[in-house]
Amino acid sequence: MSPNINTPLVSVIIPTYNRAWALKKAIDSVLEQDYKNFELIVVDDGSTDETEALVKKYEKSVKYIQQPNMGVSTARNKGISASAGPFIAFLDSDDYWLPEKLSAQIEFFNANPDALICQTEEIWIRDGKRVNPKKKHKKPSGMIFIPSLALCLISPSAVMMRKNLLAKVDSFDESLPACEDYDLWLRVSCRYPVHLIDKPLVVKTGGHDDQLSSSTGLDKYRIYALKKILRSDFLTPAQYQAAENMLKKKCRIYADGCTKHGRRTVATYYYRLAEEIEHKEKIESISDDEQNDEGF
């Protein structure tokens, strides 16, 4: 980067749990960035493998925080609380960055002082082989709330944001064991543009057994997030209608899955929820009983 460009501190946060096998590559990819004004915070969510010994080898370069196993949302929030920079960048412990990732995003923010959040494109690796994302995974840029309802189109590892954005929308919901990023990005994207740097600067890996995104039944967490955003005062009428339609669709999809697996009581709840949405003007009146029964 040109020496006359503003170089603010970026707080890089890596949450990790029993991923010593991947964490070294993630840490090294941060330390090898061509943008050097960053702090690296690794939050260990109660790992029982060799994570602590690995991170302590980097003790001069990494701020290491340990907590009991409380989930990725709590880990990220703890990293945010410990951060000192005006910019936050997340990196999942099984992903890694190309060397110019931070510099490209800081250059973007320097050129766009009103922007609050941006992300880059990604390279996808599954089971050691490069794969091409499907058309439905294509990342839009700008006001992306409506296209983001069907599936998460923002990757934590690709994001950089101004820290003050989280004061406007709140941080990760610690009650969610998965889809916590979908929930946060809904709160962000309904109010603010999410900008895209159309260059792949993140390598996102997949295919391993411990990926939360590969778990079954994730739609119940997306349903919870949709109900939350519908209860907020953030949405325009068009956004509200789109979110309500998606909620009905996801309720029916999840109910069908529960029926298939013999969970008839849960299926009945979600079928009923989809029908109730058809006849209610506001989502506030819809019960959360089954949601609570499922543990969040």
C-alpha atoms as a PDB file:
ATOM      1  CA  MET A   1       0.000   0.000   0.000  1.00  0.00           C
ATOM      2  CA  SER A   2       1.055   3.581  -0.591  1.00  0.00           C
ATOM      3  CA  PRO A   3       2.544   5.050   2.600  1.00  0.00           C
ATOM      4  CA  ASN A   4       0.281   8.108   2.421  1.00  0.00           C
ATOM      5  CA  ILE A   5      -2.922   6.058   2.705  1.00  0.00           C
ATOM      6  CA  ASN A   6      -4.610   6.039   6.103  1.00  0.00           C
ATOM      7  CA  THR A   7      -3.739   2.807   7.918  1.00  0.00           C
ATOM      8  CA  PRO A   8      -6.126   2.273  10.861  1.00  0.00           C
ATOM      9  CA  LEU A   9      -5.793  -0.642  13.252  1.00  0.00           C
ATOM     10  CA  VAL A  10      -7.782  -3.708  12.202  1.00  0.00           C
ATOM     11  CA  SER A  11      -8.800  -6.166  14.924  1.00  0.00           C
ATOM     12  CA  VAL A  12      -8.782  -9.666  13.455  1.00  0.00           C
ATOM     13  CA  ILE A  13     -10.822 -12.203  15.454  1.00  0.00           C
ATOM     14  CA  ILE A  14     -10.463 -15.975  15.030  1.00  0.00           C
ATOM     15  CA  PRO A  15     -12.870 -18.098  17.117  1.00  0.00           C
ATOM     16  CA  THR A  16     -11.787 -21.719  17.345  1.00  0.00           C
ATOM     17  CA  TYR A  17     -12.797 -25.014  18.914  1.00  0.00           C
ATOM     18  CA  ASN A  18     -10.697 -28.172  18.545  1.00  0.00           C
ATOM     19  CA  ARG A  19      -9.243 -27.124  15.207  1.00  0.00           C
ATOM     20  CA  ALA A  20      -5.527 -27.220  15.868  1.00  0.00           C
ATOM     21  CA  TRP A  21      -5.284 -29.158  12.587  1.00  0.00           C
ATOM     22  CA  ALA A  22      -6.399 -26.045  10.650  1.00  0.00           C
ATOM     23  CA  LEU A  23      -5.644 -23.121  12.959  1.00  0.00           C
ATOM     24  CA  LYS A  24      -1.957 -22.741  12.089  1.00  0.00           C
ATOM     25  CA  LYS A  25      -2.787 -22.017   8.456  1.00  0.00           C
ATOM     26  CA  ALA A  26      -5.411 -19.452   9.473  1.00  0.00           C
ATOM     27  CA  ILE A  27      -3.036 -17.668  11.856  1.00  0.00           C
ATOM     28  CA  ASP A  28      -0.170 -17.704   9.354  1.00  0.00           C
ATOM     29  CA  SER A  29      -2.422 -16.214   6.665  1.00  0.00           C
ATOM     30  CA  VAL A  30      -3.128 -13.243   8.934  1.00  0.00           C
ATOM     31  CA  LEU A  31       0.502 -12.737   9.925  1.00  0.00           C
ATOM     32  CA  GLU A  32       1.482 -12.822   6.233  1.00  0.00           C
ATOM     33  CA  GLN A  33      -0.851  -9.971   5.260  1.00  0.00           C
ATOM     34  CA  ASP A  34       0.779  -7.115   3.347  1.00  0.00           C
ATOM     35  CA  TYR A  35      -1.236  -4.728   5.541  1.00  0.00           C
ATOM     36  CA  LYS A  36       0.585  -4.745   8.860  1.00  0.00           C
ATOM     37  CA  ASN A  37      -1.448  -2.544  11.228  1.00  0.00           C
ATOM     38  CA  PHE A  38      -3.592  -5.244  12.800  1.00  0.00           C
ATOM     39  CA  GLU A  39      -4.021  -7.068  16.075  1.00  0.00           C
ATOM     40  CA  LEU A  40      -4.821 -10.767  16.002  1.00  0.00           C
ATOM     41  CA  ILE A  41      -7.164 -12.136  18.666  1.00  0.00           C
ATOM     42  CA  VAL A  42      -7.697 -15.896  18.905  1.00  0.00           C
ATOM     43  CA  VAL A  43     -10.621 -16.909  21.126  1.00  0.00           C
ATOM     44  CA  ASP A  44     -10.404 -20.547  22.176  1.00  0.00           C
ATOM     45  CA  ASP A  45     -13.899 -21.845  22.902  1.00  0.00           C
ATOM     46  CA  GLY A  46     -12.869 -24.571  25.351  1.00  0.00           C
ATOM     47  CA  SER A  47     -10.689 -26.672  23.041  1.00  0.00           C
ATOM     48  CA  THR A  48      -9.398 -29.991  24.353  1.00  0.00           C
ATOM     49  CA  ASP A  49      -6.901 -30.661  21.551  1.00  0.00           C
ATOM     50  CA  GLU A  50      -3.480 -29.039  20.972  1.00  0.00           C
ATOM     51  CA  THR A  51      -4.901 -25.557  20.339  1.00  0.00           C
ATOM     52  CA  GLU A  52      -3.388 -23.933  23.421  1.00  0.00           C
ATOM     53  CA  ALA A  53       0.106 -25.250  22.726  1.00  0.00           C
ATOM     54  CA  LEU A  54      -0.156 -24.168  19.102  1.00  0.00           C
ATOM     55  CA  VAL A  55      -1.283 -20.630  19.850  1.00  0.00           C
ATOM     56  CA  LYS A  56       1.320 -20.138  22.560  1.00  0.00           C
ATOM     57  CA  LYS A  57       3.998 -20.553  19.900  1.00  0.00           C
ATOM     58  CA  TYR A  58       2.672 -17.257  18.512  1.00  0.00           C
ATOM     59  CA  GLU A  59       2.485 -15.483  21.870  1.00  0.00           C
ATOM     60  CA  LYS A  60       4.326 -12.381  20.622  1.00  0.00           C
ATOM     61  CA  SER A  61       1.936 -11.969  17.687  1.00  0.00           C
ATOM     62  CA  VAL A  62      -1.411 -13.173  19.029  1.00  0.00           C
ATOM     63  CA  LYS A  63      -3.710 -12.116  21.849  1.00  0.00           C
ATOM     64  CA  TYR A  64      -4.999 -15.448  23.176  1.00  0.00           C
ATOM     65  CA  ILE A  65      -8.311 -15.617  25.042  1.00  0.00           C
ATOM     66  CA  GLN A  66      -9.695 -18.827  26.518  1.00  0.00           C
ATOM     67  CA  GLN A  67     -13.271 -19.506  27.603  1.00  0.00           C
ATOM     68  CA  PRO A  68     -15.359 -22.574  28.478  1.00  0.00           C
ATOM     69  CA  ASN A  69     -17.145 -24.116  25.514  1.00  0.00           C
ATOM     70  CA  MET A  70     -19.956 -21.597  24.998  1.00  0.00           C
ATOM     71  CA  GLY A  71     -20.279 -21.442  21.231  1.00  0.00           C
ATOM     72  CA  VAL A  72     -18.978 -19.406  18.332  1.00  0.00           C
ATOM     73  CA  SER A  73     -21.221 -16.390  18.988  1.00  0.00           C
ATOM     74  CA  THR A  74     -19.906 -15.955  22.523  1.00  0.00           C
ATOM     75  CA  ALA A  75     -16.351 -16.430  21.258  1.00  0.00           C
ATOM     76  CA  ARG A  76     -16.718 -13.781  18.564  1.00  0.00           C
ATOM     77  CA  ASN A  77     -18.399 -11.374  20.981  1.00  0.00           C
ATOM     78  CA  LYS A  78     -15.590 -11.861  23.487  1.00  0.00           C
ATOM     79  CA  GLY A  79     -13.093 -11.061  20.751  1.00  0.00           C
ATOM     80  CA  ILE A  80     -15.044  -7.937  19.824  1.00  0.00           C
ATOM     81  CA  SER A  81     -15.051  -6.810  23.474  1.00  0.00           C
ATOM     82  CA  ALA A  82     -11.278  -7.268  23.645  1.00  0.00           C
ATOM     83  CA  SER A  83     -10.596  -5.487  20.360  1.00  0.00           C
ATOM     84  CA  ALA A  84      -8.921  -2.094  20.122  1.00  0.00           C
ATOM     85  CA  GLY A  85      -9.272  -1.229  16.446  1.00  0.00           C
ATOM     86  CA  PRO A  86     -11.952   0.834  14.695  1.00  0.00           C
ATOM     87  CA  PHE A  87     -12.264  -2.011  12.155  1.00  0.00           C
ATOM     88  CA  ILE A  88     -13.207  -5.652  12.808  1.00  0.00           C
ATOM     89  CA  ALA A  89     -12.394  -8.599  10.543  1.00  0.00           C
ATOM     90  CA  PHE A  90     -13.397 -12.182  11.302  1.00  0.00           C
ATOM     91  CA  LEU A  91     -11.673 -15.339  10.167  1.00  0.00           C
ATOM     92  CA  ASP A  92     -13.068 -18.820  10.773  1.00  0.00           C
ATOM     93  CA  SER A  93     -10.359 -21.167  11.988  1.00  0.00           C
ATOM     94  CA  ASP A  94     -10.748 -23.555   9.034  1.00  0.00           C
ATOM     95  CA  ASP A  95     -10.432 -20.774   6.437  1.00  0.00           C
ATOM     96  CA  TYR A  96      -7.462 -18.631   5.426  1.00  0.00           C
ATOM     97  CA  TRP A  97      -6.746 -15.354   3.631  1.00  0.00           C
ATOM     98  CA  LEU A  98      -4.682 -14.386   0.640  1.00  0.00           C
ATOM     99  CA  PRO A  99      -1.969 -11.823   1.530  1.00  0.00           C
ATOM    100  CA  GLU A 100      -3.722  -8.718   0.176  1.00  0.00           C
ATOM    101  CA  LYS A 101      -7.103  -9.299   1.839  1.00  0.00           C
ATOM    102  CA  LEU A 102      -6.817  -6.646   4.564  1.00  0.00           C
ATOM    103  CA  SER A 103      -5.120  -4.071   2.342  1.00  0.00           C
ATOM    104  CA  ALA A 104      -7.849  -4.352  -0.311  1.00  0.00           C
ATOM    105  CA  GLN A 105     -10.561  -3.745   2.267  1.00  0.00           C
ATOM    106  CA  ILE A 106      -8.794  -0.835   3.952  1.00  0.00           C
ATOM    107  CA  GLU A 107      -8.264   0.755   0.552  1.00  0.00           C
ATOM    108  CA  PHE A 108     -11.997   0.332  -0.077  1.00  0.00           C
ATOM    109  CA  PHE A 109     -12.915   2.018   3.213  1.00  0.00           C
ATOM    110  CA  ASN A 110     -10.442   4.837   2.595  1.00  0.00           C
ATOM    111  CA  ALA A 111     -12.121   5.447  -0.752  1.00  0.00           C
ATOM    112  CA  ASN A 112     -15.644   5.066   0.685  1.00  0.00           C
ATOM    113  CA  PRO A 113     -15.686   6.775   4.103  1.00  0.00           C
ATOM    114  CA  ASP A 114     -19.454   6.343   4.512  1.00  0.00           C
ATOM    115  CA  ALA A 115     -19.333   2.560   4.031  1.00  0.00           C
ATOM    116  CA  LEU A 116     -19.817   0.465   7.157  1.00  0.00           C
ATOM    117  CA  ILE A 117     -19.197  -3.087   5.908  1.00  0.00           C
ATOM    118  CA  CYS A 118     -17.699  -4.871   2.930  1.00  0.00           C
ATOM    119  CA  GLN A 119     -16.751  -8.399   1.981  1.00  0.00           C
ATOM    120  CA  THR A 120     -14.605 -10.024  -0.679  1.00  0.00           C
ATOM    121  CA  GLU A 121     -15.227 -12.904  -3.014  1.00  0.00           C
ATOM    122  CA  GLU A 122     -14.016 -16.384  -2.028  1.00  0.00           C
ATOM    123  CA  ILE A 123     -12.340 -19.489  -3.359  1.00  0.00           C
ATOM    124  CA  TRP A 124     -14.187 -22.624  -2.249  1.00  0.00           C
ATOM    125  CA  ILE A 125     -12.349 -25.840  -1.390  1.00  0.00           C
ATOM    126  CA  ARG A 126     -14.356 -28.980  -0.595  1.00  0.00           C
ATOM    127  CA  ASP A 127     -12.583 -32.184   0.428  1.00  0.00           C
ATOM    128  CA  GLY A 128      -9.329 -30.741  -0.883  1.00  0.00           C
ATOM    129  CA  LYS A 129     -10.676 -29.840  -4.333  1.00  0.00           C
ATOM    130  CA  ARG A 130     -11.705 -26.458  -5.706  1.00  0.00           C
ATOM    131  CA  VAL A 131     -15.422 -26.182  -6.475  1.00  0.00           C
ATOM    132  CA  ASN A 132     -17.456 -23.475  -8.142  1.00  0.00           C
ATOM    133  CA  PRO A 133     -20.273 -21.873  -6.141  1.00  0.00           C
ATOM    134  CA  LYS A 134     -23.728 -22.268  -7.643  1.00  0.00           C
ATOM    135  CA  LYS A 135     -25.625 -19.345  -9.099  1.00  0.00           C
ATOM    136  CA  LYS A 136     -27.712 -19.060  -5.915  1.00  0.00           C
ATOM    137  CA  HIS A 137     -24.520 -18.415  -3.916  1.00  0.00           C
ATOM    138  CA  LYS A 138     -23.457 -15.414  -6.019  1.00  0.00           C
ATOM    139  CA  LYS A 139     -22.786 -12.471  -3.726  1.00  0.00           C
ATOM    140  CA  PRO A 140     -24.696  -9.284  -4.512  1.00  0.00           C
ATOM    141  CA  SER A 141     -23.527  -5.811  -3.490  1.00  0.00           C
ATOM    142  CA  GLY A 142     -25.471  -2.961  -1.904  1.00  0.00           C
ATOM    143  CA  MET A 143     -28.857  -3.394  -0.247  1.00  0.00           C
ATOM    144  CA  ILE A 144     -28.852  -7.182  -0.187  1.00  0.00           C
ATOM    145  CA  PHE A 145     -31.460  -7.969   2.475  1.00  0.00           C
ATOM    146  CA  ILE A 146     -34.092  -9.558   0.228  1.00  0.00           C
ATOM    147  CA  PRO A 147     -31.718 -11.840  -1.736  1.00  0.00           C
ATOM    148  CA  SER A 148     -30.077 -12.829   1.574  1.00  0.00           C
ATOM    149  CA  LEU A 149     -33.297 -14.205   3.063  1.00  0.00           C
ATOM    150  CA  ALA A 150     -33.135 -17.583   1.328  1.00  0.00           C
ATOM    151  CA  LEU A 151     -29.565 -18.352   2.389  1.00  0.00           C
ATOM    152  CA  CYS A 152     -26.624 -16.542   3.936  1.00  0.00           C
ATOM    153  CA  LEU A 153     -24.780 -14.521   1.267  1.00  0.00           C
ATOM    154  CA  ILE A 154     -22.239 -12.970   3.614  1.00  0.00           C
ATOM    155  CA  SER A 155     -19.246 -14.968   4.821  1.00  0.00           C
ATOM    156  CA  PRO A 156     -17.730 -14.054   8.195  1.00  0.00           C
ATOM    157  CA  SER A 157     -14.228 -14.804   6.886  1.00  0.00           C
ATOM    158  CA  ALA A 158     -14.721 -12.344   4.018  1.00  0.00           C
ATOM    159  CA  VAL A 159     -16.113  -9.438   6.055  1.00  0.00           C
ATOM    160  CA  MET A 160     -14.540  -6.275   7.357  1.00  0.00           C
ATOM    161  CA  MET A 161     -16.719  -3.774   9.205  1.00  0.00           C
ATOM    162  CA  ARG A 162     -16.428  -0.590  11.142  1.00  0.00           C
ATOM    163  CA  LYS A 163     -16.714  -1.501  14.797  1.00  0.00           C
ATOM    164  CA  ASN A 164     -19.353   1.167  15.363  1.00  0.00           C
ATOM    165  CA  LEU A 165     -21.721  -0.791  13.099  1.00  0.00           C
ATOM    166  CA  LEU A 166     -22.184  -3.305  15.914  1.00  0.00           C
ATOM    167  CA  ALA A 167     -23.331  -0.503  18.225  1.00  0.00           C
ATOM    168  CA  LYS A 168     -26.137   0.143  15.745  1.00  0.00           C
ATOM    169  CA  VAL A 169     -27.304  -3.449  15.208  1.00  0.00           C
ATOM    170  CA  ASP A 170     -25.922  -5.353  18.250  1.00  0.00           C
ATOM    171  CA  SER A 171     -23.486  -8.279  18.126  1.00  0.00           C
ATOM    172  CA  PHE A 172     -23.924 -12.018  17.592  1.00  0.00           C
ATOM    173  CA  ASP A 173     -26.903 -13.669  19.293  1.00  0.00           C
ATOM    174  CA  GLU A 174     -25.361 -15.994  21.870  1.00  0.00           C
ATOM    175  CA  SER A 175     -28.521 -18.102  22.134  1.00  0.00           C
ATOM    176  CA  LEU A 176     -27.970 -19.424  18.603  1.00  0.00           C
ATOM    177  CA  PRO A 177     -25.730 -22.499  18.247  1.00  0.00           C
ATOM    178  CA  ALA A 178     -25.728 -22.077  14.439  1.00  0.00           C
ATOM    179  CA  CYS A 179     -26.858 -19.560  11.793  1.00  0.00           C
ATOM    180  CA  GLU A 180     -25.702 -16.797  14.125  1.00  0.00           C
ATOM    181  CA  ASP A 181     -24.133 -15.065  11.130  1.00  0.00           C
ATOM    182  CA  TYR A 182     -27.400 -15.236   9.137  1.00  0.00           C
ATOM    183  CA  ASP A 183     -29.138 -13.564  12.091  1.00  0.00           C
ATOM    184  CA  LEU A 184     -26.567 -10.750  12.314  1.00  0.00           C
ATOM    185  CA  TRP A 185     -26.413 -10.132   8.584  1.00  0.00           C
ATOM    186  CA  LEU A 186     -30.198  -9.788   8.432  1.00  0.00           C
ATOM    187  CA  ARG A 187     -30.001  -7.043  11.061  1.00  0.00           C
ATOM    188  CA  VAL A 188     -27.222  -5.355   9.116  1.00  0.00           C
ATOM    189  CA  SER A 189     -28.435  -5.724   5.549  1.00  0.00           C
ATOM    190  CA  CYS A 190     -31.985  -4.506   6.120  1.00  0.00           C
ATOM    191  CA  ARG A 191     -30.581  -1.094   7.094  1.00  0.00           C
ATOM    192  CA  TYR A 192     -27.161  -0.688   5.495  1.00  0.00           C
ATOM    193  CA  PRO A 193     -25.514  -1.595   2.176  1.00  0.00           C
ATOM    194  CA  VAL A 194     -23.078  -4.497   2.240  1.00  0.00           C
ATOM    195  CA  HIS A 195     -20.422  -3.776  -0.363  1.00  0.00           C
ATOM    196  CA  LEU A 196     -18.596  -6.411  -2.380  1.00  0.00           C
ATOM    197  CA  ILE A 197     -14.975  -6.335  -3.485  1.00  0.00           C
ATOM    198  CA  ASP A 198     -15.244  -8.567  -6.526  1.00  0.00           C
ATOM    199  CA  LYS A 199     -11.946 -10.344  -5.995  1.00  0.00           C
ATOM    200  CA  PRO A 200     -11.454 -13.726  -4.266  1.00  0.00           C
ATOM    201  CA  LEU A 201      -9.220 -13.012  -1.266  1.00  0.00           C
ATOM    202  CA  VAL A 202     -10.498 -15.724   1.103  1.00  0.00           C
ATOM    203  CA  VAL A 203     -10.071 -19.481   0.809  1.00  0.00           C
ATOM    204  CA  LYS A 204     -13.097 -21.121   2.387  1.00  0.00           C
ATOM    205  CA  THR A 205     -12.674 -24.805   3.140  1.00  0.00           C
ATOM    206  CA  GLY A 206     -15.367 -27.409   3.659  1.00  0.00           C
ATOM    207  CA  GLY A 207     -16.195 -31.062   3.747  1.00  0.00           C
ATOM    208  CA  HIS A 208     -14.923 -31.774   7.275  1.00  0.00           C
ATOM    209  CA  ASP A 209     -17.138 -33.321   9.928  1.00  0.00           C
ATOM    210  CA  ASP A 210     -17.136 -30.467  12.446  1.00  0.00           C
ATOM    211  CA  GLN A 211     -18.642 -27.834  10.189  1.00  0.00           C
ATOM    212  CA  LEU A 212     -21.736 -26.263  11.738  1.00  0.00           C
ATOM    213  CA  SER A 213     -22.952 -25.251   8.290  1.00  0.00           C
ATOM    214  CA  SER A 214     -23.191 -28.914   7.292  1.00  0.00           C
ATOM    215  CA  SER A 215     -25.451 -29.813  10.219  1.00  0.00           C
ATOM    216  CA  THR A 216     -29.021 -30.918   9.592  1.00  0.00           C
ATOM    217  CA  GLY A 217     -32.038 -28.938  10.738  1.00  0.00           C
ATOM    218  CA  LEU A 218     -30.466 -25.498  10.371  1.00  0.00           C
ATOM    219  CA  ASP A 219     -33.702 -23.971   9.115  1.00  0.00           C
ATOM    220  CA  LYS A 220     -35.088 -23.888  12.668  1.00  0.00           C
ATOM    221  CA  TYR A 221     -32.388 -21.323  13.534  1.00  0.00           C
ATOM    222  CA  ARG A 222     -33.109 -19.323  10.391  1.00  0.00           C
ATOM    223  CA  ILE A 223     -36.789 -19.352  11.359  1.00  0.00           C
ATOM    224  CA  TYR A 224     -35.852 -17.928  14.746  1.00  0.00           C
ATOM    225  CA  ALA A 225     -33.785 -15.180  13.076  1.00  0.00           C
ATOM    226  CA  LEU A 226     -36.605 -14.333  10.675  1.00  0.00           C
ATOM    227  CA  LYS A 227     -39.093 -14.060  13.524  1.00  0.00           C
ATOM    228  CA  LYS A 228     -36.691 -11.717  15.323  1.00  0.00           C
ATOM    229  CA  ILE A 229     -36.246  -9.405  12.346  1.00  0.00           C
ATOM    230  CA  LEU A 230     -39.988  -9.336  11.681  1.00  0.00           C
ATOM    231  CA  ARG A 231     -40.548  -8.212  15.272  1.00  0.00           C
ATOM    232  CA  SER A 232     -38.086  -5.342  14.862  1.00  0.00           C
ATOM    233  CA  ASP A 233     -38.877  -1.861  13.612  1.00  0.00           C
ATOM    234  CA  PHE A 234     -36.146  -2.001  10.975  1.00  0.00           C
ATOM    235  CA  LEU A 235     -37.961  -3.290   7.908  1.00  0.00           C
ATOM    236  CA  THR A 236     -39.554  -1.403   5.048  1.00  0.00           C
ATOM    237  CA  PRO A 237     -42.948  -2.737   3.893  1.00  0.00           C
ATOM    238  CA  ALA A 238     -41.285  -4.547   0.977  1.00  0.00           C
ATOM    239  CA  GLN A 239     -38.661  -6.065   3.264  1.00  0.00           C
ATOM    240  CA  TYR A 240     -41.324  -7.127   5.755  1.00  0.00           C
ATOM    241  CA  GLN A 241     -43.385  -8.855   3.083  1.00  0.00           C
ATOM    242  CA  ALA A 242     -40.333 -10.653   1.672  1.00  0.00           C
ATOM    243  CA  ALA A 243     -39.220 -11.795   5.141  1.00  0.00           C
ATOM    244  CA  GLU A 244     -42.724 -12.989   6.021  1.00  0.00           C
ATOM    245  CA  ASN A 245     -42.935 -14.980   2.785  1.00  0.00           C
ATOM    246  CA  MET A 246     -39.563 -16.558   3.465  1.00  0.00           C
ATOM    247  CA  LEU A 247     -40.587 -17.419   7.022  1.00  0.00           C
ATOM    248  CA  LYS A 248     -43.657 -19.257   5.751  1.00  0.00           C
ATOM    249  CA  LYS A 249     -41.548 -21.132   3.218  1.00  0.00           C
ATOM    250  CA  LYS A 250     -38.892 -22.157   5.729  1.00  0.00           C
ATOM    251  CA  CYS A 251     -41.512 -23.237   8.270  1.00  0.00           C
ATOM    252  CA  ARG A 252     -43.034 -25.606   5.733  1.00  0.00           C
ATOM    253  CA  ILE A 253     -39.649 -26.935   4.603  1.00  0.00           C
ATOM    254  CA  TYR A 254     -38.589 -27.595   8.183  1.00  0.00           C
ATOM    255  CA  ALA A 255     -41.972 -29.161   9.024  1.00  0.00           C
ATOM    256  CA  ASP A 256     -41.657 -31.477   6.023  1.00  0.00           C
ATOM    257  CA  GLY A 257     -38.229 -32.566   7.279  1.00  0.00           C
ATOM    258  CA  CYS A 258     -39.583 -33.206  10.778  1.00  0.00           C
ATOM    259  CA  THR A 259     -42.433 -35.251   9.340  1.00  0.00           C
ATOM    260  CA  LYS A 260     -39.983 -37.322   7.319  1.00  0.00           C
ATOM    261  CA  HIS A 261     -38.014 -38.118  10.483  1.00  0.00           C
ATOM    262  CA  GLY A 262     -41.055 -38.936  12.597  1.00  0.00           C
ATOM    263  CA  ARG A 263     -41.040 -35.725  14.675  1.00  0.00           C
ATOM    264  CA  ARG A 264     -44.744 -35.158  14.250  1.00  0.00           C
ATOM    265  CA  THR A 265     -45.279 -32.828  17.239  1.00  0.00           C
ATOM    266  CA  VAL A 266     -42.574 -30.444  16.059  1.00  0.00           C
ATOM    267  CA  ALA A 267     -43.820 -30.703  12.466  1.00  0.00           C
ATOM    268  CA  THR A 268     -47.340 -29.788  13.585  1.00  0.00           C
ATOM    269  CA  TYR A 269     -46.037 -26.680  15.333  1.00  0.00           C
ATOM    270  CA  TYR A 270     -44.225 -25.407  12.231  1.00  0.00           C
ATOM    271  CA  TYR A 271     -47.096 -26.227   9.875  1.00  0.00           C
ATOM    272  CA  ARG A 272     -49.388 -24.313  12.233  1.00  0.00           C
ATOM    273  CA  LEU A 273     -46.941 -21.440  12.410  1.00  0.00           C
ATOM    274  CA  ALA A 274     -46.908 -21.152   8.625  1.00  0.00           C
ATOM    275  CA  GLU A 275     -50.709 -21.093   8.580  1.00  0.00           C
ATOM    276  CA  GLU A 276     -50.910 -18.525  11.399  1.00  0.00           C
ATOM    277  CA  ILE A 277     -48.625 -16.172   9.514  1.00  0.00           C
ATOM    278  CA  GLU A 278     -51.220 -16.125   6.718  1.00  0.00           C
ATOM    279  CA  HIS A 279     -53.813 -14.655   9.092  1.00  0.00           C
ATOM    280  CA  LYS A 280     -51.871 -12.286  11.340  1.00  0.00           C
ATOM    281  CA  GLU A 281     -50.826  -8.728  10.641  1.00  0.00           C
ATOM    282  CA  LYS A 282     -47.930  -8.788  13.116  1.00  0.00           C
ATOM    283  CA  ILE A 283     -45.531 -11.583  13.987  1.00  0.00           C
ATOM    284  CA  GLU A 284     -45.428 -10.549  17.673  1.00  0.00           C
ATOM    285  CA  SER A 285     -48.499 -12.614  18.442  1.00  0.00           C
ATOM    286  CA  ILE A 286     -47.061 -15.891  17.197  1.00  0.00           C
ATOM    287  CA  SER A 287     -46.015 -18.335  19.918  1.00  0.00           C
ATOM    288  CA  ASP A 288     -42.412 -19.343  20.564  1.00  0.00           C
ATOM    289  CA  ASP A 289     -43.329 -22.447  22.576  1.00  0.00           C
ATOM    290  CA  GLU A 290     -41.884 -25.045  20.215  1.00  0.00           C
ATOM    291  CA  GLN A 291     -38.827 -22.898  19.527  1.00  0.00           C
ATOM    292  CA  ASN A 292     -38.107 -22.816  23.233  1.00  0.00           C
ATOM    293  CA  ASP A 293     -38.708 -26.550  23.523  1.00  0.00           C
ATOM    294  CA  GLU A 294     -35.935 -27.096  20.970  1.00  0.00           C
ATOM    295  CA  GLY A 295     -33.389 -25.433  23.209  1.00  0.00           C
ATOM    296  CA  PHE A 296     -32.967 -21.795  22.269  1.00  0.00           C
END
